[in-house]
Amino acid sequence: MNSGQFIQWHELFVMVDDGSIPVGRYTTIEAAMRDQAAMYPHGIAVLCILPPETRPPSDPVKRAIKETLMRVTSSLSSLAYLVEGTGFKGVAARASLVGMKIFAARPYPIYVETSMHEVISKLLPHLVEGRAATSDVKTIMNMINDARMTWIPPQPPSRVSGVTTK
């Protein structure tokens, strides 16, 4: 799964964000969230995966994220972040997200975890009020991992005799 791509599975919305999603992509992400939430009156659980190579988003992107979250607030049952990075970058990302959780009151719970198992375990009660399509954390983890593995990165353009091909 590439940054900015997402998975919609029942009332779970999963996306990957490495800090490179362009501002305009959030319009598509928000529309997908709204469409999915329309089928689930209790709201959707959103999981944002921050891979190890994640870098802080630009200020315009931060504003777009904040505005998107404000507009979909009534459609969310929970929001979770999985920080896959380690070291200083991972600690900085977790600290920033925990700060948001503490200082930005939201009507839904916010989770910040470093383990897929932990984050799914915390989201599970928010999936159809705890009556998800499955209550098996490993099944949900496998679905997410399978979706991430099926994404094939685009090939960089190659130059043949001065002609660029794609």
Protein backbone atom coordinates (compact mmCIF):
# COMPACT_ATOMS: atom_id res chain seq x y z
CA MET A 1 0.00 0.00 0.00
CA ASN A 2 1.38 3.36 -0.96
CA SER A 3 1.09 6.51 1.09
CA GLY A 4 -2.35 7.97 0.55
CA GLN A 5 -3.92 4.66 -0.39
CA PHE A 6 -6.57 3.28 1.89
CA ILE A 7 -8.47 0.14 2.79
CA GLN A 8 -12.19 0.15 3.57
CA TRP A 9 -13.27 -2.97 5.42
CA HIS A 10 -16.72 -2.92 7.02
CA GLU A 11 -16.51 0.02 9.46
CA LEU A 12 -12.70 0.16 9.47
CA PHE A 13 -10.88 2.73 7.34
CA VAL A 14 -7.12 2.18 7.13
CA MET A 15 -4.65 4.47 5.41
CA VAL A 16 -0.90 4.79 5.15
CA ASP A 17 0.66 8.23 5.55
CA ASP A 18 4.40 8.71 5.26
CA GLY A 19 4.10 12.50 5.20
CA SER A 20 4.18 12.74 1.41
CA ILE A 21 0.43 12.81 0.67
CA PRO A 22 -0.35 15.94 -1.36
CA VAL A 23 -2.95 18.33 0.02
CA GLY A 24 -5.38 17.57 -2.82
CA ARG A 25 -5.47 13.85 -1.98
CA TYR A 26 -7.25 14.60 1.31
CA THR A 27 -10.39 15.54 -0.65
CA THR A 28 -10.53 11.99 -2.02
CA ILE A 29 -9.74 10.48 1.38
CA GLU A 30 -12.47 12.54 3.06
CA ALA A 31 -15.03 11.61 0.41
CA ALA A 32 -14.20 7.91 0.87
CA MET A 33 -14.56 8.26 4.65
CA ARG A 34 -17.92 9.97 4.29
CA ASP A 35 -19.22 7.36 1.84
CA GLN A 36 -18.15 4.55 4.15
CA ALA A 37 -19.54 6.27 7.26
CA ALA A 38 -22.92 6.68 5.53
CA MET A 39 -23.31 2.89 5.84
CA TYR A 40 -22.42 2.84 9.55
CA PRO A 41 -24.54 5.15 11.71
CA HIS A 42 -22.32 4.52 14.75
CA GLY A 43 -19.32 5.79 12.80
CA ILE A 44 -16.16 4.35 11.36
CA ALA A 45 -12.88 3.56 13.08
CA VAL A 46 -9.93 5.18 11.31
CA LEU A 47 -6.44 3.72 11.49
CA CYS A 48 -3.56 5.75 10.10
CA ILE A 49 -0.34 3.78 9.66
CA LEU A 50 2.87 5.81 9.81
CA PRO A 51 5.62 3.67 8.23
CA PRO A 52 9.25 3.85 9.39
CA GLU A 53 10.24 6.36 6.68
CA THR A 54 7.51 8.85 7.70
CA ARG A 55 8.51 12.48 7.79
CA PRO A 56 6.52 15.38 9.26
CA PRO A 57 3.94 16.75 6.84
CA SER A 58 4.19 20.30 5.54
CA ASP A 59 2.15 23.04 7.23
CA PRO A 60 -0.47 23.08 4.43
CA VAL A 61 -0.87 19.30 4.79
CA LYS A 62 -1.17 19.60 8.58
CA ARG A 63 -3.98 22.12 8.04
CA ALA A 64 -5.66 19.81 5.51
CA ILE A 65 -5.51 16.90 7.98
CA LYS A 66 -6.91 19.03 10.80
CA GLU A 67 -9.70 20.39 8.59
CA THR A 68 -10.55 16.91 7.31
CA LEU A 69 -10.76 15.54 10.85
CA MET A 70 -12.97 18.46 11.92
CA ARG A 71 -15.36 17.88 9.01
CA VAL A 72 -15.67 14.11 9.60
CA THR A 73 -15.76 14.25 13.42
CA SER A 74 -19.39 13.15 13.63
CA SER A 75 -18.60 10.16 11.40
CA LEU A 76 -15.78 8.75 13.54
CA SER A 77 -16.12 6.21 16.31
CA SER A 78 -12.37 6.26 16.98
CA LEU A 79 -9.05 7.35 15.51
CA ALA A 80 -5.84 5.38 15.86
CA TYR A 81 -2.26 5.81 14.76
CA LEU A 82 0.19 2.98 14.31
CA VAL A 83 3.72 4.38 14.47
CA GLU A 84 5.99 1.81 12.84
CA GLY A 85 9.15 3.90 13.05
CA THR A 86 11.68 3.47 15.81
CA GLY A 87 14.46 5.63 17.14
CA PHE A 88 14.23 9.38 17.41
CA LYS A 89 11.81 9.79 14.48
CA GLY A 90 9.40 7.23 15.95
CA VAL A 91 9.57 8.79 19.41
CA ALA A 92 9.02 12.27 17.95
CA ALA A 93 5.99 11.08 15.95
CA ARG A 94 4.46 9.37 19.00
CA ALA A 95 5.08 12.44 21.18
CA SER A 96 3.42 14.71 18.64
CA LEU A 97 0.38 12.42 18.32
CA VAL A 98 0.04 11.95 22.08
CA GLY A 99 0.19 15.75 22.43
CA MET A 100 -2.67 16.05 19.92
CA LYS A 101 -4.60 13.46 21.89
CA ILE A 102 -4.13 15.36 25.16
CA PHE A 103 -4.59 18.94 23.96
CA ALA A 104 -7.22 18.55 21.24
CA ALA A 105 -10.42 17.30 22.83
CA ARG A 106 -12.34 15.07 20.46
CA PRO A 107 -15.67 13.26 20.92
CA TYR A 108 -14.01 9.98 19.94
CA PRO A 109 -11.05 8.17 21.50
CA ILE A 110 -7.60 8.53 19.96
CA TYR A 111 -5.04 5.75 20.24
CA VAL A 112 -1.31 5.91 19.50
CA GLU A 113 0.41 2.54 19.37
CA THR A 114 3.60 0.92 18.06
CA SER A 115 2.13 -2.56 17.56
CA MET A 116 -0.46 -3.59 14.98
CA HIS A 117 -1.87 -6.13 17.44
CA GLU A 118 -2.32 -3.45 20.14
CA VAL A 119 -3.91 -0.90 17.86
CA ILE A 120 -6.38 -3.40 16.37
CA SER A 121 -7.22 -4.66 19.87
CA LYS A 122 -8.09 -1.10 20.89
CA LEU A 123 -10.15 -0.45 17.76
CA LEU A 124 -12.09 -3.71 17.88
CA PRO A 125 -14.68 -2.50 20.45
CA HIS A 126 -15.47 0.45 18.14
CA LEU A 127 -16.30 -1.76 15.21
CA VAL A 128 -20.11 -2.06 15.22
CA GLU A 129 -20.14 -1.52 18.93
CA GLY A 130 -17.86 -4.50 19.44
CA ARG A 131 -19.78 -6.76 17.01
CA ALA A 132 -17.40 -6.58 14.05
CA ALA A 133 -17.44 -8.95 11.12
CA THR A 134 -14.78 -10.76 13.13
CA SER A 135 -13.44 -10.34 16.63
CA ASP A 136 -10.20 -12.06 15.67
CA VAL A 137 -7.42 -9.48 15.80
CA LYS A 138 -5.16 -11.67 13.67
CA THR A 139 -7.76 -11.86 10.88
CA ILE A 140 -7.94 -8.06 10.71
CA MET A 141 -4.15 -7.76 10.91
CA ASN A 142 -3.75 -10.25 8.07
CA MET A 143 -6.29 -8.39 5.93
CA ILE A 144 -4.35 -5.14 6.41
CA ASN A 145 -0.96 -6.77 5.84
CA ASP A 146 -2.21 -8.59 2.72
CA ALA A 147 -3.53 -5.33 1.28
CA ARG A 148 -0.24 -3.60 1.99
CA MET A 149 1.75 -6.39 0.35
CA THR A 150 -0.32 -6.39 -2.85
CA TRP A 151 0.68 -2.83 -3.66
CA ILE A 152 3.47 -2.75 -6.20
CA PRO A 153 5.51 0.47 -6.26
CA PRO A 154 5.43 2.30 -9.59
CA GLN A 155 8.50 1.76 -11.72
CA PRO A 156 10.63 4.84 -12.19
CA PRO A 157 10.62 6.15 -15.76
CA SER A 158 13.38 4.62 -17.84
CA ARG A 159 15.29 6.38 -20.53
CA VAL A 160 15.78 4.57 -23.83
CA SER A 161 17.60 6.44 -26.58
CA GLY A 162 16.66 9.77 -25.03
CA VAL A 163 12.95 8.85 -24.87
CA THR A 164 11.24 8.64 -21.49
CA THR A 165 8.81 5.75 -21.06
CA LYS A 166 6.33 5.01 -18.31
